[in-house]
């Protein structure tokens, strides 16, 4: 039994050490407990990667821009997106400051699920040449970055057919990430194609999809009966296993005064 709040993190802010917050329990028990607590929107948010940029000086960008055309707080707090693909374009220290701030924002979600991040190492400024297959953030103590770095994967998410689905497998994490081509704005036939693409990808073992607009396609696949919530739960459990394995739920939450 954990008696001291210092030994566990009250992520859902209910004053009780729930099983998913108890670091002494096996990962499977923690995943099972958390999965049955999640709303459908939280589950779909776990299965979505959103592209996002950081603001000047490591600040959180609230002006809609780029592929998402949505503010950071809207993506995290309203749409429950829980994985961000970050275009850094800054120093490792400023990026670390931004990570602290955005994880602090993630604590405001119903269950305080920590974010996982994909960093394209090519966009991080460095004083010297980066080591192969290594993020400059590895030495700054952010396992959610070091373990999920994706670099060198270029793709065009606005063109192609279902045959062009790109599968990126994070073999160390056991999570399959897929990019389904985005329909042109207002093209309802291509939107239906994207839903079918997601249905087929889920049948083939996909767990997570790139692009925040895939949330709508996932919702449509569910409401149309082409995908069951039990199938969604399979992917959610795999994703949560990764987060628990990385120790994200048990990390000390940073503060605005001490972001690093």
Protein backbone atom coordinates (compact mmCIF):
# COMPACT_ATOMS: atom_id res chain seq x y z
CA UNK A 1 0.00 0.00 0.00
CA UNK A 2 1.28 3.46 -0.86
CA UNK A 3 0.50 5.81 2.01
CA UNK A 4 2.48 8.90 1.03
CA UNK A 5 1.41 11.09 -1.94
CA UNK A 6 5.13 11.54 -2.58
CA UNK A 7 5.29 7.88 -3.67
CA UNK A 8 2.59 8.10 -6.32
CA UNK A 9 1.11 10.67 -8.68
CA UNK A 10 -2.59 11.47 -8.35
CA UNK A 11 -3.15 11.85 -12.08
CA UNK A 12 -6.95 11.94 -11.95
CA UNK A 13 -6.90 14.22 -8.91
CA UNK A 14 -9.33 12.18 -6.79
CA UNK A 15 -7.16 11.90 -3.69
CA UNK A 16 -6.92 8.10 -4.01
CA UNK A 17 -4.08 5.92 -5.24
CA UNK A 18 -5.93 4.07 -7.98
CA UNK A 19 -4.41 0.87 -9.41
CA UNK A 20 -3.16 2.59 -12.59
CA UNK A 21 -1.28 5.08 -10.39
CA UNK A 22 0.33 2.41 -8.23
CA UNK A 23 3.90 1.83 -9.40
CA UNK A 24 4.13 -1.35 -7.29
CA UNK A 25 1.57 -3.17 -9.44
CA UNK A 26 2.40 -5.10 -12.63
CA UNK A 27 2.02 -3.12 -15.84
CA UNK A 28 -0.82 -5.35 -17.08
CA UNK A 29 -2.92 -4.63 -13.98
CA UNK A 30 -2.33 -0.90 -14.33
CA UNK A 31 -3.24 -0.96 -18.01
CA UNK A 32 -6.42 -2.96 -17.37
CA UNK A 33 -7.52 -0.54 -14.66
CA UNK A 34 -6.88 2.59 -16.72
CA UNK A 35 -8.40 1.25 -19.93
CA UNK A 36 -11.76 0.58 -18.30
CA UNK A 37 -11.83 4.14 -16.92
CA UNK A 38 -11.22 5.90 -20.25
CA UNK A 39 -13.88 7.62 -22.31
CA UNK A 40 -14.10 6.87 -26.02
CA UNK A 41 -12.61 10.28 -26.86
CA UNK A 42 -9.60 9.53 -24.65
CA UNK A 43 -9.11 6.18 -26.37
CA UNK A 44 -9.23 7.71 -29.85
CA UNK A 45 -6.87 10.47 -28.73
CA UNK A 46 -4.35 7.83 -27.68
CA UNK A 47 -4.51 6.39 -31.19
CA UNK A 48 -3.79 9.72 -32.86
CA UNK A 49 -0.57 11.55 -33.65
CA UNK A 50 -0.87 15.28 -34.28
CA UNK A 51 1.80 17.36 -35.98
CA UNK A 52 2.63 20.42 -33.97
CA UNK A 53 5.21 23.18 -33.68
CA UNK A 54 6.64 24.85 -30.61
CA UNK A 55 6.50 28.60 -30.08
CA UNK A 56 9.40 31.00 -29.84
CA UNK A 57 11.62 30.50 -26.83
CA UNK A 58 10.15 27.08 -26.04
CA UNK A 59 6.64 28.41 -25.44
CA UNK A 60 3.40 26.55 -26.18
CA UNK A 61 1.97 27.69 -29.50
CA UNK A 62 -1.71 28.59 -29.26
CA UNK A 63 -2.13 30.19 -32.69
CA UNK A 64 -3.45 27.56 -35.12
CA UNK A 65 -0.92 26.85 -37.83
CA UNK A 66 0.49 24.05 -39.95
CA UNK A 67 -1.28 20.80 -40.73
CA UNK A 68 -3.57 20.76 -37.71
CA UNK A 69 -4.92 24.34 -37.86
CA UNK A 70 -5.74 23.86 -34.16
CA UNK A 71 -4.26 25.30 -31.01
CA UNK A 72 -2.17 23.12 -28.73
CA UNK A 73 -4.63 23.36 -25.84
CA UNK A 74 -7.56 22.42 -28.11
CA UNK A 75 -5.72 19.34 -29.37
CA UNK A 76 -4.79 18.17 -25.87
CA UNK A 77 -7.69 19.27 -23.67
CA UNK A 78 -10.67 19.10 -26.05
CA UNK A 79 -9.74 16.44 -28.57
CA UNK A 80 -7.62 14.40 -26.12
CA UNK A 81 -4.79 13.85 -28.62
CA UNK A 82 -2.02 12.18 -26.63
CA UNK A 83 0.89 11.81 -29.04
CA UNK A 84 2.60 14.75 -30.73
CA UNK A 85 4.94 14.74 -33.71
CA UNK A 86 7.05 17.80 -33.02
CA UNK A 87 8.85 20.02 -35.51
CA UNK A 88 11.41 21.46 -33.13
CA UNK A 89 13.66 23.88 -35.02
CA UNK A 90 15.27 24.96 -31.77
CA UNK A 91 17.98 24.04 -29.29
CA UNK A 92 17.66 20.92 -27.13
CA UNK A 93 17.33 23.06 -24.00
CA UNK A 94 14.43 25.13 -25.35
CA UNK A 95 12.76 21.98 -26.58
CA UNK A 96 13.16 20.43 -23.12
CA UNK A 97 11.53 23.54 -21.63
CA UNK A 98 8.62 23.13 -24.06
CA UNK A 99 8.26 19.44 -23.20
CA UNK A 100 7.99 20.27 -19.49
CA UNK A 101 5.30 22.86 -20.18
CA UNK A 102 3.24 20.64 -22.44
CA UNK A 103 3.40 17.67 -20.05
CA UNK A 104 2.14 20.05 -17.37
CA UNK A 105 -0.82 20.87 -19.65
CA UNK A 106 -1.49 17.15 -20.21
CA UNK A 107 -2.02 16.75 -16.45
CA UNK A 108 -5.25 18.76 -16.86
CA UNK A 109 -6.91 15.96 -18.85
CA UNK A 110 -9.34 13.65 -16.97
CA UNK A 111 -6.74 10.96 -16.19
CA UNK A 112 -3.58 13.01 -16.58
CA UNK A 113 -2.13 10.61 -19.16
CA UNK A 114 1.42 11.75 -19.99
CA UNK A 115 2.16 12.64 -23.59
CA UNK A 116 4.51 10.67 -25.78
CA UNK A 117 6.42 12.55 -28.43
CA UNK A 118 8.00 11.90 -31.79
CA UNK A 119 10.89 14.22 -32.56
CA UNK A 120 12.43 14.53 -35.99
CA UNK A 121 16.07 14.84 -34.93
CA UNK A 122 16.87 16.64 -38.18
CA UNK A 123 14.96 19.71 -36.94
CA UNK A 124 16.88 20.13 -33.67
CA UNK A 125 19.66 22.70 -33.70
CA UNK A 126 22.95 21.46 -32.28
CA UNK A 127 26.43 22.85 -31.70
CA UNK A 128 27.95 19.81 -33.39
CA UNK A 129 27.00 16.93 -35.67
CA UNK A 130 24.38 14.65 -34.06
CA UNK A 131 25.27 11.09 -33.29
CA UNK A 132 23.62 8.55 -35.61
CA UNK A 133 20.21 7.35 -34.38
CA UNK A 134 20.46 9.53 -31.27
CA UNK A 135 18.40 12.50 -30.20
CA UNK A 136 20.16 15.48 -28.57
CA UNK A 137 17.52 15.18 -25.83
CA UNK A 138 18.66 11.74 -24.72
CA UNK A 139 21.00 13.19 -22.08
CA UNK A 140 18.37 15.62 -20.75
CA UNK A 141 16.36 12.91 -19.02
CA UNK A 142 13.28 12.69 -21.24
CA UNK A 143 12.66 8.98 -22.00
CA UNK A 144 9.40 9.85 -23.74
CA UNK A 145 11.57 11.44 -26.44
CA UNK A 146 14.63 9.21 -26.39
CA UNK A 147 12.63 6.01 -26.82
CA UNK A 148 10.29 7.28 -29.55
CA UNK A 149 12.52 9.28 -31.86
CA UNK A 150 11.65 8.93 -35.53
CA UNK A 151 14.11 10.48 -37.95
CA UNK A 152 14.54 10.31 -41.68
CA UNK A 153 11.05 9.11 -42.59
CA UNK A 154 9.81 11.48 -45.30
CA UNK A 155 6.33 11.04 -46.71
CA UNK A 156 3.56 12.95 -48.46
CA UNK A 157 0.33 12.58 -46.49
CA UNK A 158 -1.75 14.55 -48.99
CA UNK A 159 -1.46 12.28 -52.03
CA UNK A 160 -1.73 8.66 -52.98
CA UNK A 161 -4.20 5.80 -52.66
CA UNK A 162 -4.86 3.16 -50.07
CA UNK A 163 -1.98 1.18 -51.54
CA UNK A 164 0.30 4.05 -50.45
CA UNK A 165 -0.37 3.57 -46.74
CA UNK A 166 2.92 3.95 -44.96
CA UNK A 167 3.54 1.69 -42.00
CA UNK A 168 6.14 2.76 -39.48
CA UNK A 169 6.76 0.07 -36.87
CA UNK A 170 8.31 1.12 -33.59
CA UNK A 171 9.78 -2.32 -33.00
CA UNK A 172 11.16 -1.51 -29.58
CA UNK A 173 7.73 -0.29 -28.46
CA UNK A 174 5.47 -2.79 -30.22
CA UNK A 175 3.18 -0.09 -31.65
CA UNK A 176 2.35 0.15 -35.35
CA UNK A 177 2.00 3.71 -36.64
CA UNK A 178 0.27 4.26 -39.97
CA UNK A 179 -0.21 7.27 -42.22
CA UNK A 180 -3.40 7.09 -44.28
CA UNK A 181 -3.50 9.62 -47.16
CA UNK A 182 -5.50 12.74 -46.33
CA UNK A 183 -8.43 13.64 -48.62
CA UNK A 184 -8.53 16.99 -50.33
CA UNK A 185 -10.63 19.53 -48.46
CA UNK A 186 -14.33 18.99 -49.20
CA UNK A 187 -13.75 15.74 -51.10
CA UNK A 188 -16.30 13.44 -49.43
CA UNK A 189 -15.48 10.44 -51.62
CA UNK A 190 -11.85 10.57 -50.52
CA UNK A 191 -13.00 11.02 -46.92
CA UNK A 192 -14.92 7.77 -47.21
CA UNK A 193 -11.80 6.21 -48.71
CA UNK A 194 -9.82 7.31 -45.69
CA UNK A 195 -12.32 5.67 -43.36
CA UNK A 196 -11.99 2.45 -45.34
CA UNK A 197 -8.21 2.80 -45.20
CA UNK A 198 -8.33 3.08 -41.41
CA UNK A 199 -10.65 0.08 -41.17
CA UNK A 200 -8.26 -2.02 -43.29
CA UNK A 201 -5.22 -0.76 -41.38
CA UNK A 202 -6.81 -1.70 -38.05
CA UNK A 203 -7.57 -5.15 -39.44
CA UNK A 204 -3.89 -5.44 -40.37
CA UNK A 205 -2.75 -4.52 -36.86
CA UNK A 206 -2.35 -0.73 -36.91
CA UNK A 207 -2.46 0.98 -33.52
CA UNK A 208 -1.89 4.68 -34.11
CA UNK A 209 -2.56 7.07 -36.98
CA UNK A 210 -0.70 10.18 -38.09
CA UNK A 211 -2.67 13.42 -38.43
CA UNK A 212 -5.19 14.86 -35.97
CA UNK A 213 -7.97 14.73 -38.56
CA UNK A 214 -7.90 10.94 -38.40
CA UNK A 215 -9.95 11.32 -35.21
CA UNK A 216 -13.01 12.00 -37.36
CA UNK A 217 -12.32 8.97 -39.54
CA UNK A 218 -11.87 6.78 -36.46
CA UNK A 219 -15.16 8.06 -35.04
CA UNK A 220 -16.91 7.37 -38.35
CA UNK A 221 -15.47 3.86 -38.49
CA UNK A 222 -16.91 3.22 -35.03
CA UNK A 223 -20.34 4.77 -35.53
CA UNK A 224 -20.75 2.96 -38.86
CA UNK A 225 -20.10 -0.36 -37.16
CA UNK A 226 -17.01 -1.17 -39.23
CA UNK A 227 -14.78 -1.14 -36.14
CA UNK A 228 -15.72 -2.31 -32.65
CA UNK A 229 -14.70 -0.61 -29.42
CA UNK A 230 -13.09 -3.87 -28.35
CA UNK A 231 -10.72 -3.55 -31.34
CA UNK A 232 -9.97 0.03 -30.27
CA UNK A 233 -9.20 -1.26 -26.79
CA UNK A 234 -6.60 -3.66 -28.18
CA UNK A 235 -4.57 -0.79 -29.59
CA UNK A 236 -5.15 1.40 -26.55
CA UNK A 237 -3.77 -1.32 -24.30
CA UNK A 238 -0.64 -1.71 -26.43
CA UNK A 239 -0.07 2.05 -26.42
CA UNK A 240 -0.58 2.29 -22.66
CA UNK A 241 1.84 -0.60 -22.12
CA UNK A 242 4.49 1.46 -23.90
CA UNK A 243 3.82 4.51 -21.72
CA UNK A 244 4.00 2.47 -18.52
CA UNK A 245 7.14 0.66 -19.72
CA UNK A 246 8.81 4.02 -20.34
CA UNK A 247 7.98 5.08 -16.78
CA UNK A 248 6.01 8.12 -17.94
CA UNK A 249 3.22 7.67 -15.37
CA UNK A 250 5.70 7.59 -12.50
CA UNK A 251 7.85 10.58 -13.44
CA UNK A 252 7.81 13.62 -11.20
CA UNK A 253 5.69 16.33 -12.77
CA UNK A 254 7.68 19.46 -13.55
CA UNK A 255 6.63 22.92 -12.49
CA UNK A 256 6.66 26.24 -14.26
CA UNK A 257 9.35 27.41 -11.85
CA UNK A 258 11.57 24.35 -12.42
CA UNK A 259 10.80 23.12 -15.95
CA UNK A 260 13.99 21.10 -16.36
